[in-house]
């Protein structure tokens, strides 16, 4: 358990980072269905986001600053002591992208079920380029199936370039659940549901580009 000093330090660090994110990138939330806005993160949920840069988690955290969100970060990032210090104080869990170590899975389930926090995960595992949505890793489906909590998809539209004066926009889906397995949580089910989540992210991207066609053009230059 964190002591009072550590909790205060974490709160100050997050506040500083979130203020800087707002100052430089002015992120704005948009909702696929605004009428569902109040239901989003009203209970422990899994946030599923595309991954375009290192600051994705900070942007999401800054827009849901009143919520306790734990972010999944690649385990190799924790090998550097300075990065590990930062990630731990920003409430991150190291995830093994090769899935040789499953401790991250139990930590995530503990956050969701016991600590009543939310999990943010970036299932591409690495940054996409020029609007590309990379294939999803199956860890997201495993967590969601075991935790049985709502999922919320977030499409982040960049770029992270404060010099051009364009806002970062986040398009947020309504909460939903995975399809119930008909033959148990086997490999076919995991693969199918993972692909469905990937398709949902592509649909969010299409909605964003339909609303702001100039953003798609800029990515294809």
Protein backbone atom coordinates (compact mmCIF):
# COMPACT_ATOMS: atom_id res chain seq x y z
CA UNK A 1 0.00 0.00 0.00
CA UNK A 2 1.19 3.49 -0.78
CA UNK A 3 1.88 5.83 2.12
CA UNK A 4 0.49 9.36 2.35
CA UNK A 5 3.69 10.98 1.02
CA UNK A 6 3.77 8.70 -2.04
CA UNK A 7 0.10 9.34 -2.77
CA UNK A 8 0.67 13.10 -2.55
CA UNK A 9 3.73 12.88 -4.82
CA UNK A 10 1.80 10.83 -7.36
CA UNK A 11 -1.06 13.35 -7.36
CA UNK A 12 1.30 16.29 -7.87
CA UNK A 13 3.20 14.50 -10.66
CA UNK A 14 -0.01 13.59 -12.47
CA UNK A 15 -1.39 17.10 -12.07
CA UNK A 16 1.78 18.60 -13.55
CA UNK A 17 1.86 16.18 -16.50
CA UNK A 18 -1.83 16.66 -17.25
CA UNK A 19 -1.48 20.45 -17.18
CA UNK A 20 1.41 20.29 -19.65
CA UNK A 21 -0.57 17.96 -21.92
CA UNK A 22 -3.49 20.39 -21.93
CA UNK A 23 -1.22 23.34 -22.57
CA UNK A 24 0.61 21.87 -25.55
CA UNK A 25 -1.91 19.55 -27.21
CA UNK A 26 -5.37 20.79 -26.04
CA UNK A 27 -6.97 17.32 -26.23
CA UNK A 28 -10.72 17.24 -26.81
CA UNK A 29 -13.15 14.41 -26.10
CA UNK A 30 -15.87 13.54 -28.57
CA UNK A 31 -18.45 10.79 -28.15
CA UNK A 32 -20.02 8.44 -30.67
CA UNK A 33 -23.25 8.65 -28.65
CA UNK A 34 -23.28 11.71 -26.35
CA UNK A 35 -26.37 10.36 -24.56
CA UNK A 36 -24.17 7.54 -23.16
CA UNK A 37 -21.55 9.95 -21.80
CA UNK A 38 -22.54 9.52 -18.15
CA UNK A 39 -22.29 5.72 -18.36
CA UNK A 40 -18.65 5.80 -19.45
CA UNK A 41 -16.39 4.73 -16.54
CA UNK A 42 -19.36 4.70 -14.16
CA UNK A 43 -18.04 1.27 -13.06
CA UNK A 44 -14.63 -0.43 -13.38
CA UNK A 45 -13.94 -0.64 -17.11
CA UNK A 46 -11.26 -1.39 -19.66
CA UNK A 47 -10.24 1.45 -21.95
CA UNK A 48 -8.96 0.19 -25.30
CA UNK A 49 -6.97 2.78 -27.25
CA UNK A 50 -4.94 2.93 -30.43
CA UNK A 51 -1.28 3.80 -29.91
CA UNK A 52 0.34 6.68 -31.77
CA UNK A 53 2.89 8.02 -29.28
CA UNK A 54 4.33 7.70 -25.77
CA UNK A 55 1.94 10.32 -24.42
CA UNK A 56 -1.29 8.47 -25.30
CA UNK A 57 -1.82 7.40 -21.70
CA UNK A 58 -1.18 10.90 -20.40
CA UNK A 59 -3.73 12.33 -22.83
CA UNK A 60 -6.37 9.81 -21.78
CA UNK A 61 -5.59 10.36 -18.11
CA UNK A 62 -5.85 14.13 -18.50
CA UNK A 63 -9.36 13.87 -19.96
CA UNK A 64 -10.57 11.46 -17.28
CA UNK A 65 -8.57 13.00 -14.44
CA UNK A 66 -11.29 12.35 -11.84
CA UNK A 67 -11.10 8.60 -12.50
CA UNK A 68 -8.51 6.14 -11.20
CA UNK A 69 -6.95 4.71 -14.35
CA UNK A 70 -4.11 2.21 -14.41
CA UNK A 71 -2.20 2.08 -17.69
CA UNK A 72 -0.55 -0.97 -19.19
CA UNK A 73 3.00 -0.28 -20.41
CA UNK A 74 5.53 -2.54 -22.15
CA UNK A 75 7.67 -4.41 -19.64
CA UNK A 76 10.91 -3.51 -21.40
CA UNK A 77 10.24 0.17 -20.61
CA UNK A 78 10.71 -0.64 -16.92
CA UNK A 79 14.27 -1.82 -17.54
CA UNK A 80 15.45 1.79 -17.41
CA UNK A 81 15.40 3.06 -13.80
CA UNK A 82 14.27 6.58 -14.70
CA UNK A 83 11.44 5.36 -16.91
CA UNK A 84 10.44 2.75 -14.33
CA UNK A 85 10.25 5.46 -11.65
CA UNK A 86 7.98 7.56 -13.85
CA UNK A 87 5.72 4.71 -14.94
CA UNK A 88 5.22 3.40 -11.42
CA UNK A 89 4.25 6.81 -10.08
CA UNK A 90 1.86 7.27 -13.01
CA UNK A 91 0.10 4.04 -11.96
CA UNK A 92 1.34 1.77 -14.76
CA UNK A 93 1.57 -2.02 -14.88
CA UNK A 94 4.38 -3.65 -16.91
CA UNK A 95 2.90 -5.97 -19.52
CA UNK A 96 4.90 -8.77 -21.10
CA UNK A 97 4.21 -8.48 -24.82
CA UNK A 98 5.58 -11.99 -25.40
CA UNK A 99 3.24 -13.22 -22.63
CA UNK A 100 5.98 -15.31 -21.05
CA UNK A 101 5.07 -13.77 -17.69
CA UNK A 102 1.38 -13.49 -16.78
CA UNK A 103 1.80 -11.51 -13.54
CA UNK A 104 0.54 -8.42 -15.39
CA UNK A 105 -2.77 -10.20 -15.98
CA UNK A 106 -3.34 -10.83 -12.27
CA UNK A 107 -2.32 -7.27 -11.41
CA UNK A 108 -4.81 -5.92 -13.93
CA UNK A 109 -7.61 -8.13 -12.59
CA UNK A 110 -6.78 -7.01 -9.05
CA UNK A 111 -7.06 -3.36 -10.12
CA UNK A 112 -10.43 -3.97 -11.76
CA UNK A 113 -12.09 -6.30 -9.27
CA UNK A 114 -10.61 -5.44 -5.87
CA UNK A 115 -9.38 -1.87 -6.16
CA UNK A 116 -12.26 -0.77 -8.40
CA UNK A 117 -9.95 1.06 -10.77
CA UNK A 118 -10.04 1.25 -14.56
CA UNK A 119 -7.46 -0.26 -16.92
CA UNK A 120 -6.20 1.46 -20.08
CA UNK A 121 -4.52 -0.83 -22.60
CA UNK A 122 -2.98 -0.26 -26.02
CA UNK A 123 -3.33 -3.65 -27.74
CA UNK A 124 -1.29 -2.76 -30.84
CA UNK A 125 1.76 -3.06 -28.60
CA UNK A 126 3.71 -0.43 -30.52
CA UNK A 127 3.11 2.83 -32.32
CA UNK A 128 1.28 2.88 -35.63
CA UNK A 129 2.32 5.33 -38.35
CA UNK A 130 0.28 7.65 -40.58
CA UNK A 131 -3.03 6.52 -39.14
CA UNK A 132 -2.30 2.77 -39.45
CA UNK A 133 -4.11 0.60 -36.90
CA UNK A 134 -1.83 -2.36 -36.24
CA UNK A 135 -3.16 -5.86 -35.38
CA UNK A 136 -4.23 -6.27 -31.76
CA UNK A 137 -2.55 -8.59 -29.27
CA UNK A 138 -4.91 -11.00 -27.55
CA UNK A 139 -4.09 -9.91 -23.98
CA UNK A 140 -6.90 -7.35 -24.07
CA UNK A 141 -9.48 -10.05 -24.79
CA UNK A 142 -8.12 -12.32 -22.06
CA UNK A 143 -8.40 -9.57 -19.44
CA UNK A 144 -11.90 -8.54 -20.56
CA UNK A 145 -13.17 -12.13 -20.65
CA UNK A 146 -11.85 -12.92 -17.18
CA UNK A 147 -12.88 -9.63 -15.56
CA UNK A 148 -16.30 -9.42 -17.25
CA UNK A 149 -16.32 -5.63 -17.12
CA UNK A 150 -17.39 -3.10 -19.77
CA UNK A 151 -14.99 -2.01 -22.50
CA UNK A 152 -14.72 1.50 -23.90
CA UNK A 153 -12.90 2.11 -27.18
CA UNK A 154 -10.93 5.34 -27.66
CA UNK A 155 -9.50 6.46 -30.98
CA UNK A 156 -6.76 9.08 -30.57
CA UNK A 157 -6.23 11.28 -33.61
CA UNK A 158 -2.93 13.16 -33.77
CA UNK A 159 -0.39 14.25 -34.58
CA UNK A 160 1.39 15.29 -31.40
CA UNK A 161 2.79 18.52 -32.80
CA UNK A 162 1.98 21.66 -30.83
CA UNK A 163 3.70 23.83 -33.43
CA UNK A 164 0.97 23.27 -36.03
CA UNK A 165 -1.71 24.39 -33.59
CA UNK A 166 -4.07 21.46 -34.20
CA UNK A 167 -5.85 19.81 -31.30
CA UNK A 168 -5.53 16.16 -30.36
CA UNK A 169 -9.02 14.65 -30.61
CA UNK A 170 -10.29 11.52 -28.88
CA UNK A 171 -13.38 9.72 -30.15
CA UNK A 172 -14.97 7.60 -27.41
CA UNK A 173 -17.39 4.71 -27.89
CA UNK A 174 -20.24 3.74 -25.60
CA UNK A 175 -19.51 0.97 -23.06
CA UNK A 176 -20.04 -2.60 -24.29
CA UNK A 177 -19.17 -6.18 -23.36
CA UNK A 178 -17.46 -8.98 -25.24
CA UNK A 179 -19.71 -11.55 -26.87
CA UNK A 180 -20.44 -14.46 -24.54
CA UNK A 181 -18.41 -17.59 -25.43
CA UNK A 182 -20.51 -20.47 -26.76
CA UNK A 183 -17.80 -23.14 -26.44
CA UNK A 184 -15.73 -21.80 -23.57
CA UNK A 185 -12.88 -19.31 -23.57
CA UNK A 186 -10.78 -21.17 -26.11
CA UNK A 187 -8.24 -19.92 -28.66
CA UNK A 188 -10.90 -19.49 -31.36
CA UNK A 189 -13.01 -17.31 -29.08
CA UNK A 190 -10.04 -15.19 -28.03
CA UNK A 191 -8.94 -14.70 -31.63
CA UNK A 192 -12.44 -13.87 -32.85
CA UNK A 193 -13.12 -11.33 -30.11
CA UNK A 194 -9.69 -9.73 -30.54
CA UNK A 195 -10.40 -9.26 -34.25
CA UNK A 196 -13.81 -7.74 -33.45
CA UNK A 197 -12.14 -5.19 -31.16
CA UNK A 198 -9.69 -4.35 -33.93
CA UNK A 199 -12.61 -3.83 -36.33
CA UNK A 200 -14.34 -1.56 -33.83
CA UNK A 201 -11.22 0.59 -33.65
CA UNK A 202 -11.12 0.85 -37.44
CA UNK A 203 -14.76 1.93 -37.37
CA UNK A 204 -13.96 4.65 -34.84
CA UNK A 205 -11.14 5.87 -37.05
CA UNK A 206 -13.50 5.96 -40.05
CA UNK A 207 -16.02 8.01 -38.05
CA UNK A 208 -13.32 10.49 -37.07
CA UNK A 209 -12.09 10.86 -40.63
CA UNK A 210 -15.64 11.18 -41.94
CA UNK A 211 -16.24 14.09 -39.57
CA UNK A 212 -12.82 15.67 -40.17
CA UNK A 213 -11.77 14.64 -43.72
CA UNK A 214 -8.82 17.02 -43.66
CA UNK A 215 -7.23 14.93 -40.91
CA UNK A 216 -7.19 11.85 -43.15
CA UNK A 217 -5.65 13.82 -46.01
CA UNK A 218 -2.86 15.12 -43.79
CA UNK A 219 -1.95 11.57 -42.76
CA UNK A 220 -1.74 10.36 -46.33
CA UNK A 221 0.72 13.05 -47.47
